[in-house]
PDB file of N, CA and C in Angstrom:
ATOM      1  N   UNK A   1       3.754  -0.332  19.935  1.00  0.00           N
ATOM      2  CA  UNK A   1       2.800  -0.068  19.419  1.00  0.00           C
ATOM      3  C   UNK A   1       2.063  -0.750  18.456  1.00  0.00           C
ATOM      4  N   UNK A   2       0.390  -0.142  18.218  1.00  0.00           N
ATOM      5  CA  UNK A   2      -0.011  -0.984  17.172  1.00  0.00           C
ATOM      6  C   UNK A   2       0.414  -0.772  15.720  1.00  0.00           C
ATOM      7  N   UNK A   3       0.281  -1.994  14.933  1.00  0.00           N
ATOM      8  CA  UNK A   3       0.683  -1.836  13.806  1.00  0.00           C
ATOM      9  C   UNK A   3      -0.109  -2.766  13.248  1.00  0.00           C
ATOM     10  N   UNK A   4      -0.178  -2.315  11.574  1.00  0.00           N
ATOM     11  CA  UNK A   4      -0.797  -3.243  10.642  1.00  0.00           C
ATOM     12  C   UNK A   4      -0.212  -3.719   9.549  1.00  0.00           C
ATOM     13  N   UNK A   5      -0.520  -5.109   9.107  1.00  0.00           N
ATOM     14  CA  UNK A   5       0.659  -5.327   8.361  1.00  0.00           C
ATOM     15  C   UNK A   5      -0.627  -6.080   7.185  1.00  0.00           C
ATOM     16  N   UNK A   6       0.347  -6.088   6.071  1.00  0.00           N
ATOM     17  CA  UNK A   6      -1.055  -6.530   5.094  1.00  0.00           C
ATOM     18  C   UNK A   6       0.184  -6.364   3.776  1.00  0.00           C
ATOM     19  N   UNK A   7      -0.261  -6.794   2.476  1.00  0.00           N
ATOM     20  CA  UNK A   7      -0.081  -7.193   1.240  1.00  0.00           C
ATOM     21  C   UNK A   7      -0.715  -6.402   0.132  1.00  0.00           C
ATOM     22  N   UNK A   8       0.241  -5.496  -0.786  1.00  0.00           N
ATOM     23  CA  UNK A   8      -0.108  -4.807  -1.546  1.00  0.00           C
ATOM     24  C   UNK A   8      -0.772  -5.540  -2.538  1.00  0.00           C
ATOM     25  N   UNK A   9      -1.982  -5.305  -3.247  1.00  0.00           N
ATOM     26  CA  UNK A   9      -2.395  -6.261  -4.176  1.00  0.00           C
ATOM     27  C   UNK A   9      -1.185  -6.236  -5.184  1.00  0.00           C
ATOM     28  N   UNK A  10      -0.834  -5.259  -5.824  1.00  0.00           N
ATOM     29  CA  UNK A  10       0.409  -5.107  -6.932  1.00  0.00           C
ATOM     30  C   UNK A  10       1.852  -5.395  -6.402  1.00  0.00           C
ATOM     31  N   UNK A  11       2.088  -4.486  -5.234  1.00  0.00           N
ATOM     32  CA  UNK A  11       3.025  -4.220  -5.084  1.00  0.00           C
ATOM     33  C   UNK A  11       3.799  -2.992  -5.896  1.00  0.00           C
ATOM     34  N   UNK A  12       5.044  -2.871  -5.338  1.00  0.00           N
ATOM     35  CA  UNK A  12       5.997  -1.590  -5.564  1.00  0.00           C
ATOM     36  C   UNK A  12       7.303  -1.866  -6.117  1.00  0.00           C
ATOM     37  N   UNK A  13       8.228  -1.194  -7.487  1.00  0.00           N
ATOM     38  CA  UNK A  13       9.276  -1.888  -7.912  1.00  0.00           C
ATOM     39  C   UNK A  13       9.910  -1.339  -7.247  1.00  0.00           C
ATOM     40  N   UNK A  14      11.086  -1.839  -6.994  1.00  0.00           N
ATOM     41  CA  UNK A  14      12.531  -0.841  -6.502  1.00  0.00           C
ATOM     42  C   UNK A  14      13.885  -1.888  -6.376  1.00  0.00           C
ATOM     43  N   UNK A  15      14.661  -1.218  -6.782  1.00  0.00           N
ATOM     44  CA  UNK A  15      15.717  -2.130  -7.860  1.00  0.00           C
ATOM     45  C   UNK A  15      15.556  -3.068  -8.109  1.00  0.00           C
ATOM     46  N   UNK A  16      14.696  -3.530  -9.154  1.00  0.00           N
ATOM     47  CA  UNK A  16      14.211  -4.485  -9.768  1.00  0.00           C
ATOM     48  C   UNK A  16      13.639  -5.735  -9.303  1.00  0.00           C
ATOM     49  N   UNK A  17      12.863  -5.270  -8.268  1.00  0.00           N
ATOM     50  CA  UNK A  17      12.358  -6.319  -7.288  1.00  0.00           C
ATOM     51  C   UNK A  17      11.024  -5.753  -6.804  1.00  0.00           C
ATOM     52  N   UNK A  18      10.096  -6.840  -7.078  1.00  0.00           N
ATOM     53  CA  UNK A  18       8.170  -6.340  -6.644  1.00  0.00           C
ATOM     54  C   UNK A  18       8.400  -6.333  -5.199  1.00  0.00           C
ATOM     55  N   UNK A  19       7.973  -5.331  -4.541  1.00  0.00           N
ATOM     56  CA  UNK A  19       8.091  -5.775  -2.902  1.00  0.00           C
ATOM     57  C   UNK A  19       6.597  -5.046  -2.840  1.00  0.00           C
ATOM     58  N   UNK A  20       5.804  -6.378  -1.723  1.00  0.00           N
ATOM     59  CA  UNK A  20       4.077  -6.179  -1.166  1.00  0.00           C
ATOM     60  C   UNK A  20       3.746  -6.129   0.437  1.00  0.00           C
ATOM     61  N   UNK A  21       5.090  -6.851   0.715  1.00  0.00           N
ATOM     62  CA  UNK A  21       4.557  -6.943   2.517  1.00  0.00           C
ATOM     63  C   UNK A  21       4.791  -5.641   3.255  1.00  0.00           C
ATOM     64  N   UNK A  22       3.495  -5.323   3.790  1.00  0.00           N
ATOM     65  CA  UNK A  22       3.819  -3.663   4.355  1.00  0.00           C
ATOM     66  C   UNK A  22       3.554  -3.788   5.494  1.00  0.00           C
ATOM     67  N   UNK A  23       4.195  -3.107   6.527  1.00  0.00           N
ATOM     68  CA  UNK A  23       3.844  -2.652   8.001  1.00  0.00           C
ATOM     69  C   UNK A  23       3.901  -1.358   8.296  1.00  0.00           C
ATOM     70  N   UNK A  24       2.314  -0.482   8.454  1.00  0.00           N
ATOM     71  CA  UNK A  24       2.644   0.573   9.141  1.00  0.00           C
ATOM     72  C   UNK A  24       1.658   0.789  10.446  1.00  0.00           C
ATOM     73  N   UNK A  25       2.478   2.147  11.037  1.00  0.00           N
ATOM     74  CA  UNK A  25       1.919   2.216  12.167  1.00  0.00           C
ATOM     75  C   UNK A  25       0.920   3.178  12.696  1.00  0.00           C
ATOM     76  N   UNK A  26       0.539   3.608  13.076  1.00  0.00           N
ATOM     77  CA  UNK A  26      -0.490   5.028  13.178  1.00  0.00           C
ATOM     78  C   UNK A  26       0.422   6.725  13.161  1.00  0.00           C
ATOM     79  N   UNK A  27      -0.146   7.339  12.455  1.00  0.00           N
ATOM     80  CA  UNK A  27       0.574   8.601  12.239  1.00  0.00           C
ATOM     81  C   UNK A  27       0.651   9.392  13.573  1.00  0.00           C
ATOM     82  N   UNK A  28       1.536   9.813  13.517  1.00  0.00           N
ATOM     83  CA  UNK A  28       2.376  10.571  14.486  1.00  0.00           C
ATOM     84  C   UNK A  28       2.383  12.257  14.744  1.00  0.00           C
ATOM     85  N   UNK A  29       2.308  12.719  15.213  1.00  0.00           N
ATOM     86  CA  UNK A  29       2.533  14.392  15.000  1.00  0.00           C
ATOM     87  C   UNK A  29       3.548  14.547  14.298  1.00  0.00           C
ATOM     88  N   UNK A  30       5.090  13.972  14.419  1.00  0.00           N
ATOM     89  CA  UNK A  30       6.337  13.506  13.770  1.00  0.00           C
ATOM     90  C   UNK A  30       6.004  13.909  11.983  1.00  0.00           C
ATOM     91  N   UNK A  31       5.248  13.062  11.610  1.00  0.00           N
ATOM     92  CA  UNK A  31       4.950  12.713  10.080  1.00  0.00           C
ATOM     93  C   UNK A  31       4.332  13.988   9.730  1.00  0.00           C
ATOM     94  N   UNK A  32       3.244  14.893  10.400  1.00  0.00           N
ATOM     95  CA  UNK A  32       2.802  15.882  10.167  1.00  0.00           C
ATOM     96  C   UNK A  32       3.970  16.605   9.530  1.00  0.00           C
ATOM     97  N   UNK A  33       4.943  16.933  10.694  1.00  0.00           N
ATOM     98  CA  UNK A  33       5.956  18.236  10.410  1.00  0.00           C
ATOM     99  C   UNK A  33       6.859  17.612   9.366  1.00  0.00           C
ATOM    100  N   UNK A  34       7.336  16.574   9.506  1.00  0.00           N
ATOM    101  CA  UNK A  34       8.267  15.513   8.297  1.00  0.00           C
ATOM    102  C   UNK A  34       7.821  16.031   6.788  1.00  0.00           C
ATOM    103  N   UNK A  35       6.190  15.789   6.813  1.00  0.00           N
ATOM    104  CA  UNK A  35       5.796  16.458   5.623  1.00  0.00           C
ATOM    105  C   UNK A  35       5.734  17.452   5.133  1.00  0.00           C
ATOM    106  N   UNK A  36       5.442  18.208   6.372  1.00  0.00           N
ATOM    107  CA  UNK A  36       5.278  19.795   5.987  1.00  0.00           C
ATOM    108  C   UNK A  36       6.923  20.507   5.928  1.00  0.00           C
ATOM    109  N   UNK A  37       8.104  19.914   6.088  1.00  0.00           N
ATOM    110  CA  UNK A  37       9.104  20.548   5.878  1.00  0.00           C
ATOM    111  C   UNK A  37       9.534  19.736   4.357  1.00  0.00           C
ATOM    112  N   UNK A  38       8.889  18.875   3.401  1.00  0.00           N
ATOM    113  CA  UNK A  38       9.148  18.993   1.868  1.00  0.00           C
ATOM    114  C   UNK A  38       8.420  20.095   1.430  1.00  0.00           C
ATOM    115  N   UNK A  39       9.329  20.895   0.206  1.00  0.00           N
ATOM    116  CA  UNK A  39       8.944  21.593  -0.369  1.00  0.00           C
ATOM    117  C   UNK A  39       7.677  21.359  -1.328  1.00  0.00           C
ATOM    118  N   UNK A  40       7.678  20.337  -2.414  1.00  0.00           N
ATOM    119  CA  UNK A  40       6.415  19.927  -2.790  1.00  0.00           C
ATOM    120  C   UNK A  40       4.989  19.823  -1.858  1.00  0.00           C
ATOM    121  N   UNK A  41       5.422  19.457  -0.732  1.00  0.00           N
ATOM    122  CA  UNK A  41       4.160  19.084   0.285  1.00  0.00           C
ATOM    123  C   UNK A  41       3.675  20.245   0.397  1.00  0.00           C
ATOM    124  N   UNK A  42       4.380  21.682   0.432  1.00  0.00           N
ATOM    125  CA  UNK A  42       3.611  22.899   1.365  1.00  0.00           C
ATOM    126  C   UNK A  42       2.771  23.722  -0.197  1.00  0.00           C
ATOM    127  N   UNK A  43       3.113  23.230  -1.552  1.00  0.00           N
ATOM    128  CA  UNK A  43       2.447  23.878  -2.619  1.00  0.00           C
ATOM    129  C   UNK A  43       1.216  22.594  -2.866  1.00  0.00           C
ATOM    130  N   UNK A  44       1.182  21.524  -2.406  1.00  0.00           N
ATOM    131  CA  UNK A  44       0.807  20.515  -2.977  1.00  0.00           C
ATOM    132  C   UNK A  44      -0.095  19.418  -1.695  1.00  0.00           C
ATOM    133  N   UNK A  45      -1.007  19.480  -1.487  1.00  0.00           N
ATOM    134  CA  UNK A  45      -1.757  18.800  -0.295  1.00  0.00           C
ATOM    135  C   UNK A  45      -1.910  17.130  -0.899  1.00  0.00           C
ATOM    136  N   UNK A  46      -2.042  16.827  -1.892  1.00  0.00           N
ATOM    137  CA  UNK A  46      -2.155  15.278  -2.173  1.00  0.00           C
ATOM    138  C   UNK A  46      -0.563  14.806  -1.759  1.00  0.00           C
ATOM    139  N   UNK A  47       0.554  15.528  -2.399  1.00  0.00           N
ATOM    140  CA  UNK A  47       1.714  15.002  -2.146  1.00  0.00           C
ATOM    141  C   UNK A  47       1.723  14.933  -0.393  1.00  0.00           C
ATOM    142  N   UNK A  48       1.675  15.868   0.465  1.00  0.00           N
ATOM    143  CA  UNK A  48       1.773  16.046   1.672  1.00  0.00           C
ATOM    144  C   UNK A  48       1.404  14.889   2.216  1.00  0.00           C
ATOM    145  N   UNK A  49       0.489  14.186   1.700  1.00  0.00           N
ATOM    146  CA  UNK A  49      -0.704  13.358   2.339  1.00  0.00           C
ATOM    147  C   UNK A  49       0.420  11.764   1.763  1.00  0.00           C
ATOM    148  N   UNK A  50       0.640  12.323   0.807  1.00  0.00           N
ATOM    149  CA  UNK A  50       1.743  10.802   0.493  1.00  0.00           C
ATOM    150  C   UNK A  50       2.657  10.885   1.364  1.00  0.00           C
ATOM    151  N   UNK A  51       3.512  12.415   1.338  1.00  0.00           N
ATOM    152  CA  UNK A  51       4.744  12.376   2.291  1.00  0.00           C
ATOM    153  C   UNK A  51       4.065  11.416   4.110  1.00  0.00           C
ATOM    154  N   UNK A  52       3.506  11.940   4.376  1.00  0.00           N
ATOM    155  CA  UNK A  52       2.342  11.311   5.905  1.00  0.00           C
ATOM    156  C   UNK A  52       2.570  10.145   5.402  1.00  0.00           C
ATOM    157  N   UNK A  53       2.023   9.458   4.682  1.00  0.00           N
ATOM    158  CA  UNK A  53       1.845   7.762   4.940  1.00  0.00           C
ATOM    159  C   UNK A  53       3.546   7.463   4.623  1.00  0.00           C
ATOM    160  N   UNK A  54       4.064   7.922   3.777  1.00  0.00           N
ATOM    161  CA  UNK A  54       5.692   7.177   3.859  1.00  0.00           C
ATOM    162  C   UNK A  54       6.191   7.366   5.349  1.00  0.00           C
ATOM    163  N   UNK A  55       5.562   8.128   5.755  1.00  0.00           N
ATOM    164  CA  UNK A  55       6.299   8.114   7.281  1.00  0.00           C
ATOM    165  C   UNK A  55       5.655   7.185   8.243  1.00  0.00           C
ATOM    166  N   UNK A  56       4.537   6.713   7.951  1.00  0.00           N
ATOM    167  CA  UNK A  56       3.531   5.819   8.384  1.00  0.00           C
ATOM    168  C   UNK A  56       4.473   4.352   8.468  1.00  0.00           C
ATOM    169  N   UNK A  57       5.052   4.250   7.325  1.00  0.00           N
ATOM    170  CA  UNK A  57       5.244   2.472   6.387  1.00  0.00           C
ATOM    171  C   UNK A  57       6.578   2.448   7.338  1.00  0.00           C
ATOM    172  N   UNK A  58       6.469   1.521   8.636  1.00  0.00           N
ATOM    173  CA  UNK A  58       7.531   0.621   9.229  1.00  0.00           C
ATOM    174  C   UNK A  58       8.187   0.043   8.292  1.00  0.00           C
ATOM    175  N   UNK A  59       8.179  -1.123   6.953  1.00  0.00           N
ATOM    176  CA  UNK A  59       8.443  -1.897   5.749  1.00  0.00           C
ATOM    177  C   UNK A  59       7.743  -2.464   4.881  1.00  0.00           C
ATOM    178  N   UNK A  60       8.280  -2.193   4.259  1.00  0.00           N
ATOM    179  CA  UNK A  60       7.971  -2.286   2.504  1.00  0.00           C
ATOM    180  C   UNK A  60       8.468  -3.099   1.590  1.00  0.00           C
ATOM    181  N   UNK A  61       8.366  -4.307   2.226  1.00  0.00           N
ATOM    182  CA  UNK A  61       9.094  -5.448   1.378  1.00  0.00           C
ATOM    183  C   UNK A  61      10.573  -5.539   1.832  1.00  0.00           C
ATOM    184  N   UNK A  62      11.586  -5.526   1.349  1.00  0.00           N
ATOM    185  CA  UNK A  62      13.172  -5.227   1.557  1.00  0.00           C
ATOM    186  C   UNK A  62      13.529  -4.037   1.467  1.00  0.00           C
ATOM    187  N   UNK A  63      12.666  -3.155   1.502  1.00  0.00           N
ATOM    188  CA  UNK A  63      13.088  -1.166   0.693  1.00  0.00           C
ATOM    189  C   UNK A  63      13.796  -0.898   2.294  1.00  0.00           C
ATOM    190  N   UNK A  64      15.035  -0.167   2.114  1.00  0.00           N
ATOM    191  CA  UNK A  64      15.372   0.332   3.302  1.00  0.00           C
ATOM    192  C   UNK A  64      14.230   1.569   3.750  1.00  0.00           C
ATOM    193  N   UNK A  65      14.251   1.425   4.783  1.00  0.00           N
ATOM    194  CA  UNK A  65      13.788   2.688   6.007  1.00  0.00           C
ATOM    195  C   UNK A  65      13.504   3.992   4.798  1.00  0.00           C
ATOM    196  N   UNK A  66      15.395   4.179   4.943  1.00  0.00           N
ATOM    197  CA  UNK A  66      15.329   5.898   4.323  1.00  0.00           C
ATOM    198  C   UNK A  66      15.001   6.056   2.893  1.00  0.00           C
ATOM    199  N   UNK A  67      14.843   5.259   2.344  1.00  0.00           N
ATOM    200  CA  UNK A  67      14.121   4.939   0.803  1.00  0.00           C
ATOM    201  C   UNK A  67      12.741   4.886   0.513  1.00  0.00           C
ATOM    202  N   UNK A  68      12.046   4.819   1.779  1.00  0.00           N
ATOM    203  CA  UNK A  68      10.582   4.704   1.692  1.00  0.00           C
ATOM    204  C   UNK A  68      10.180   6.330   1.916  1.00  0.00           C
ATOM    205  N   UNK A  69      10.067   6.648   0.531  1.00  0.00           N
ATOM    206  CA  UNK A  69       9.348   8.662   0.771  1.00  0.00           C
ATOM    207  C   UNK A  69       8.267   8.724  -0.003  1.00  0.00           C
ATOM    208  N   UNK A  70       7.914   9.995  -0.089  1.00  0.00           N
ATOM    209  CA  UNK A  70       6.674  10.584  -0.646  1.00  0.00           C
ATOM    210  C   UNK A  70       7.091  10.144  -2.245  1.00  0.00           C
ATOM    211  N   UNK A  71       8.065  10.197  -2.458  1.00  0.00           N
ATOM    212  CA  UNK A  71       8.660  10.450  -4.249  1.00  0.00           C
ATOM    213  C   UNK A  71       8.829   8.668  -4.504  1.00  0.00           C
ATOM    214  N   UNK A  72       8.797   7.763  -3.455  1.00  0.00           N
ATOM    215  CA  UNK A  72       9.109   6.409  -4.170  1.00  0.00           C
ATOM    216  C   UNK A  72       7.517   5.866  -4.133  1.00  0.00           C
ATOM    217  N   UNK A  73       6.477   6.173  -3.403  1.00  0.00           N
ATOM    218  CA  UNK A  73       4.695   6.522  -3.123  1.00  0.00           C
ATOM    219  C   UNK A  73       4.562   6.823  -4.298  1.00  0.00           C
ATOM    220  N   UNK A  74       4.669   7.582  -5.022  1.00  0.00           N
ATOM    221  CA  UNK A  74       4.625   8.034  -6.196  1.00  0.00           C
ATOM    222  C   UNK A  74       4.417   7.234  -7.630  1.00  0.00           C
ATOM    223  N   UNK A  75       5.281   6.334  -6.928  1.00  0.00           N
ATOM    224  CA  UNK A  75       5.212   5.000  -8.227  1.00  0.00           C
ATOM    225  C   UNK A  75       4.298   3.828  -7.613  1.00  0.00           C
ATOM    226  N   UNK A  76       3.353   3.898  -7.226  1.00  0.00           N
ATOM    227  CA  UNK A  76       2.379   3.200  -6.578  1.00  0.00           C
ATOM    228  C   UNK A  76       1.396   2.815  -7.572  1.00  0.00           C
ATOM    229  N   UNK A  77       0.651   2.028  -7.774  1.00  0.00           N
ATOM    230  CA  UNK A  77      -0.204   1.776  -8.582  1.00  0.00           C
ATOM    231  C   UNK A  77      -1.184   2.703  -7.302  1.00  0.00           C
ATOM    232  N   UNK A  78      -2.522   2.784  -8.440  1.00  0.00           N
ATOM    233  CA  UNK A  78      -3.453   3.794  -7.394  1.00  0.00           C
ATOM    234  C   UNK A  78      -4.350   2.057  -6.769  1.00  0.00           C
ATOM    235  N   UNK A  79      -4.349   0.905  -6.891  1.00  0.00           N
ATOM    236  CA  UNK A  79      -4.714  -0.019  -6.267  1.00  0.00           C
ATOM    237  C   UNK A  79      -4.153  -0.177  -4.854  1.00  0.00           C
ATOM    238  N   UNK A  80      -2.666  -0.029  -4.691  1.00  0.00           N
ATOM    239  CA  UNK A  80      -1.977  -0.281  -4.250  1.00  0.00           C
ATOM    240  C   UNK A  80      -1.797   0.760  -3.217  1.00  0.00           C
ATOM    241  N   UNK A  81      -2.081   2.301  -3.546  1.00  0.00           N
ATOM    242  CA  UNK A  81      -2.073   3.422  -2.543  1.00  0.00           C
ATOM    243  C   UNK A  81      -3.567   3.166  -1.764  1.00  0.00           C
ATOM    244  N   UNK A  82      -4.463   2.665  -2.836  1.00  0.00           N
ATOM    245  CA  UNK A  82      -6.082   2.970  -1.679  1.00  0.00           C
ATOM    246  C   UNK A  82      -5.531   2.030  -0.386  1.00  0.00           C
ATOM    247  N   UNK A  83      -4.945   0.280  -0.752  1.00  0.00           N
ATOM    248  CA  UNK A  83      -4.859  -0.354  -0.321  1.00  0.00           C
ATOM    249  C   UNK A  83      -4.144   0.049   1.545  1.00  0.00           C
ATOM    250  N   UNK A  84      -3.137   0.786   0.832  1.00  0.00           N
ATOM    251  CA  UNK A  84      -2.204   2.035   1.955  1.00  0.00           C
ATOM    252  C   UNK A  84      -3.347   2.391   2.778  1.00  0.00           C
ATOM    253  N   UNK A  85      -4.134   3.042   2.299  1.00  0.00           N
ATOM    254  CA  UNK A  85      -4.924   4.273   2.811  1.00  0.00           C
ATOM    255  C   UNK A  85      -5.886   3.716   3.664  1.00  0.00           C
ATOM    256  N   UNK A  86      -6.259   2.579   3.351  1.00  0.00           N
ATOM    257  CA  UNK A  86      -7.378   1.805   3.884  1.00  0.00           C
ATOM    258  C   UNK A  86      -7.073   0.784   5.428  1.00  0.00           C
ATOM    259  N   UNK A  87      -5.891   0.471   5.110  1.00  0.00           N
ATOM    260  CA  UNK A  87      -4.701  -0.245   6.229  1.00  0.00           C
ATOM    261  C   UNK A  87      -4.653   1.130   7.522  1.00  0.00           C
ATOM    262  N   UNK A  88      -4.097   1.888   6.891  1.00  0.00           N
ATOM    263  CA  UNK A  88      -3.979   3.446   7.576  1.00  0.00           C
ATOM    264  C   UNK A  88      -5.422   3.557   8.409  1.00  0.00           C
ATOM    265  N   UNK A  89      -6.463   3.480   7.679  1.00  0.00           N
ATOM    266  CA  UNK A  89      -7.641   3.745   8.213  1.00  0.00           C
ATOM    267  C   UNK A  89      -8.071   2.695   9.557  1.00  0.00           C
ATOM    268  N   UNK A  90      -7.540   1.525   9.433  1.00  0.00           N
ATOM    269  CA  UNK A  90      -7.518   0.071  10.350  1.00  0.00           C
ATOM    270  C   UNK A  90      -6.663   0.361  10.977  1.00  0.00           C
ATOM    271  N   UNK A  91      -5.360   1.100  11.129  1.00  0.00           N
ATOM    272  CA  UNK A  91      -4.365   0.935  12.056  1.00  0.00           C
ATOM    273  C   UNK A  91      -5.106   2.281  13.355  1.00  0.00           C
ATOM    274  N   UNK A  92      -5.631   3.279  12.588  1.00  0.00           N
ATOM    275  CA  UNK A  92      -5.788   4.562  13.170  1.00  0.00           C
ATOM    276  C   UNK A  92      -7.239   4.267  14.322  1.00  0.00           C
ATOM    277  N   UNK A  93      -8.233   2.788  13.400  1.00  0.00           N
ATOM    278  CA  UNK A  93      -9.389   2.730  14.314  1.00  0.00           C
ATOM    279  C   UNK A  93      -8.911   1.837  15.189  1.00  0.00           C
ATOM    280  N   UNK A  94      -8.127   0.858  15.237  1.00  0.00           N
ATOM    281  CA  UNK A  94      -7.568  -0.023  15.978  1.00  0.00           C
ATOM    282  C   UNK A  94      -6.818   0.825  17.397  1.00  0.00           C
ATOM    283  N   UNK A  95      -6.324   1.627  17.218  1.00  0.00           N
ATOM    284  CA  UNK A  95      -5.667   2.589  18.016  1.00  0.00           C
ATOM    285  C   UNK A  95      -6.766   3.519  19.005  1.00  0.00           C
ATOM    286  N   UNK A  96      -7.437   3.700  18.334  1.00  0.00           N
ATOM    287  CA  UNK A  96      -8.684   4.537  19.078  1.00  0.00           C
ATOM    288  C   UNK A  96      -9.132   3.855  19.834  1.00  0.00           C
ATOM    289  N   UNK A  97      -9.631   2.305  19.291  1.00  0.00           N
ATOM    290  CA  UNK A  97     -10.286   1.470  20.419  1.00  0.00           C
ATOM    291  C   UNK A  97      -9.453   0.882  21.896  1.00  0.00           C
ATOM    292  N   UNK A  98      -7.892   1.051  21.362  1.00  0.00           N
ATOM    293  CA  UNK A  98      -7.225   0.589  22.304  1.00  0.00           C
ATOM    294  C   UNK A  98      -7.037   1.720  23.215  1.00  0.00           C
ATOM    295  N   UNK A  99      -7.304   2.923  23.018  1.00  0.00           N
ATOM    296  CA  UNK A  99      -6.958   3.971  23.890  1.00  0.00           C
ATOM    297  C   UNK A  99      -8.536   4.067  24.583  1.00  0.00           C
ATOM    298  N   UNK A 100      -9.445   3.876  24.025  1.00  0.00           N
ATOM    299  CA  UNK A 100     -10.823   3.898  24.540  1.00  0.00           C
ATOM    300  C   UNK A 100     -11.629   4.981  23.706  1.00  0.00           C
ATOM    301  N   UNK A 101     -11.195   5.451  22.740  1.00  0.00           N
ATOM    302  CA  UNK A 101     -12.114   6.248  22.207  1.00  0.00           C
ATOM    303  C   UNK A 101     -13.263   6.659  22.441  1.00  0.00           C
ATOM    304  N   UNK A 102     -13.650   8.145  22.678  1.00  0.00           N
ATOM    305  CA  UNK A 102     -15.294   7.970  22.975  1.00  0.00           C
ATOM    306  C   UNK A 102     -16.156   8.980  21.709  1.00  0.00           C
ATOM    307  N   UNK A 103     -17.234   9.404  21.931  1.00  0.00           N
ATOM    308  CA  UNK A 103     -17.831   9.918  21.015  1.00  0.00           C
ATOM    309  C   UNK A 103     -17.345  11.314  20.483  1.00  0.00           C
ATOM    310  N   UNK A 104     -17.020  11.611  21.618  1.00  0.00           N
ATOM    311  CA  UNK A 104     -16.369  12.915  21.687  1.00  0.00           C
ATOM    312  C   UNK A 104     -15.037  12.766  20.707  1.00  0.00           C
ATOM    313  N   UNK A 105     -14.315  11.983  20.562  1.00  0.00           N
ATOM    314  CA  UNK A 105     -12.935  11.665  20.240  1.00  0.00           C
ATOM    315  C   UNK A 105     -13.702  12.148  18.230  1.00  0.00           C
ATOM    316  N   UNK A 106     -14.393  10.818  18.321  1.00  0.00           N
ATOM    317  CA  UNK A 106     -15.227  11.036  16.777  1.00  0.00           C
ATOM    318  C   UNK A 106     -15.812  12.151  16.149  1.00  0.00           C
ATOM    319  N   UNK A 107     -16.298  13.450  17.003  1.00  0.00           N
ATOM    320  CA  UNK A 107     -16.448  14.561  16.847  1.00  0.00           C
ATOM    321  C   UNK A 107     -15.607  15.041  16.481  1.00  0.00           C
ATOM    322  N   UNK A 108     -14.355  15.149  17.332  1.00  0.00           N
ATOM    323  CA  UNK A 108     -12.979  15.981  16.937  1.00  0.00           C
ATOM    324  C   UNK A 108     -12.689  15.729  15.542  1.00  0.00           C
ATOM    325  N   UNK A 109     -12.558  14.312  15.764  1.00  0.00           N
ATOM    326  CA  UNK A 109     -12.005  13.935  14.457  1.00  0.00           C
ATOM    327  C   UNK A 109     -12.718  14.544  13.286  1.00  0.00           C
ATOM    328  N   UNK A 110     -14.226  14.322  13.061  1.00  0.00           N
ATOM    329  CA  UNK A 110     -14.780  14.858  12.203  1.00  0.00           C
ATOM    330  C   UNK A 110     -14.448  16.584  11.980  1.00  0.00           C
ATOM    331  N   UNK A 111     -14.152  17.288  13.342  1.00  0.00           N
ATOM    332  CA  UNK A 111     -14.165  18.682  12.768  1.00  0.00           C
ATOM    333  C   UNK A 111     -12.732  18.794  12.184  1.00  0.00           C
ATOM    334  N   UNK A 112     -11.726  18.089  12.509  1.00  0.00           N
ATOM    335  CA  UNK A 112     -10.514  18.143  12.002  1.00  0.00           C
ATOM    336  C   UNK A 112     -10.594  18.026  10.601  1.00  0.00           C
ATOM    337  N   UNK A 113     -11.523  16.574   9.855  1.00  0.00           N
ATOM    338  CA  UNK A 113     -11.851  16.284   9.021  1.00  0.00           C
ATOM    339  C   UNK A 113     -11.878  17.466   7.839  1.00  0.00           C
ATOM    340  N   UNK A 114     -13.435  18.066   8.283  1.00  0.00           N
ATOM    341  CA  UNK A 114     -13.892  19.367   7.841  1.00  0.00           C
ATOM    342  C   UNK A 114     -13.417  20.460   7.622  1.00  0.00           C
ATOM    343  N   UNK A 115     -12.120  20.448   8.316  1.00  0.00           N
ATOM    344  CA  UNK A 115     -11.043  21.582   8.164  1.00  0.00           C
ATOM    345  C   UNK A 115      -9.784  21.873   7.422  1.00  0.00           C
ATOM    346  N   UNK A 116      -9.694  20.048   6.927  1.00  0.00           N
ATOM    347  CA  UNK A 116      -9.056  19.809   5.919  1.00  0.00           C
ATOM    348  C   UNK A 116      -7.648  19.008   6.826  1.00  0.00           C
ATOM    349  N   UNK A 117      -8.227  18.859   8.112  1.00  0.00           N
ATOM    350  CA  UNK A 117      -6.760  18.322   8.907  1.00  0.00           C
ATOM    351  C   UNK A 117      -6.953  16.613   8.841  1.00  0.00           C
ATOM    352  N   UNK A 118      -6.398  15.926   8.898  1.00  0.00           N
ATOM    353  CA  UNK A 118      -6.513  14.526   8.989  1.00  0.00           C
ATOM    354  C   UNK A 118      -5.665  13.469  10.405  1.00  0.00           C
ATOM    355  N   UNK A 119      -6.898  13.414  11.051  1.00  0.00           N
ATOM    356  CA  UNK A 119      -5.893  12.980  12.369  1.00  0.00           C
ATOM    357  C   UNK A 119      -5.280  11.652  12.723  1.00  0.00           C
TER     358      UNK A 119
END
């Protein structure tokens, strides 16, 4: 699977330690479903996006995977969250290139974005 490794500019604190090293994977349909199961995500689109981002994270420092949640990411600095979203876009682009993305894929992604759905 294609992944993206990067370092958060500031890092997130967990159990008294700052964690900066991140590895993420492309978003899967499963992530969308898991995000939709969260009660707060049902009422708040931004929180839904945060939950989906948490699902994409394979590794965040030494934090156990089951502790990487939307609630944890709420404690990120905006600069770190921006870096996370930029990395998510890079891994999405690399995935599209790997599978031989076409102009039609870009149009489909564009129409999804216009309806408020993110690919």
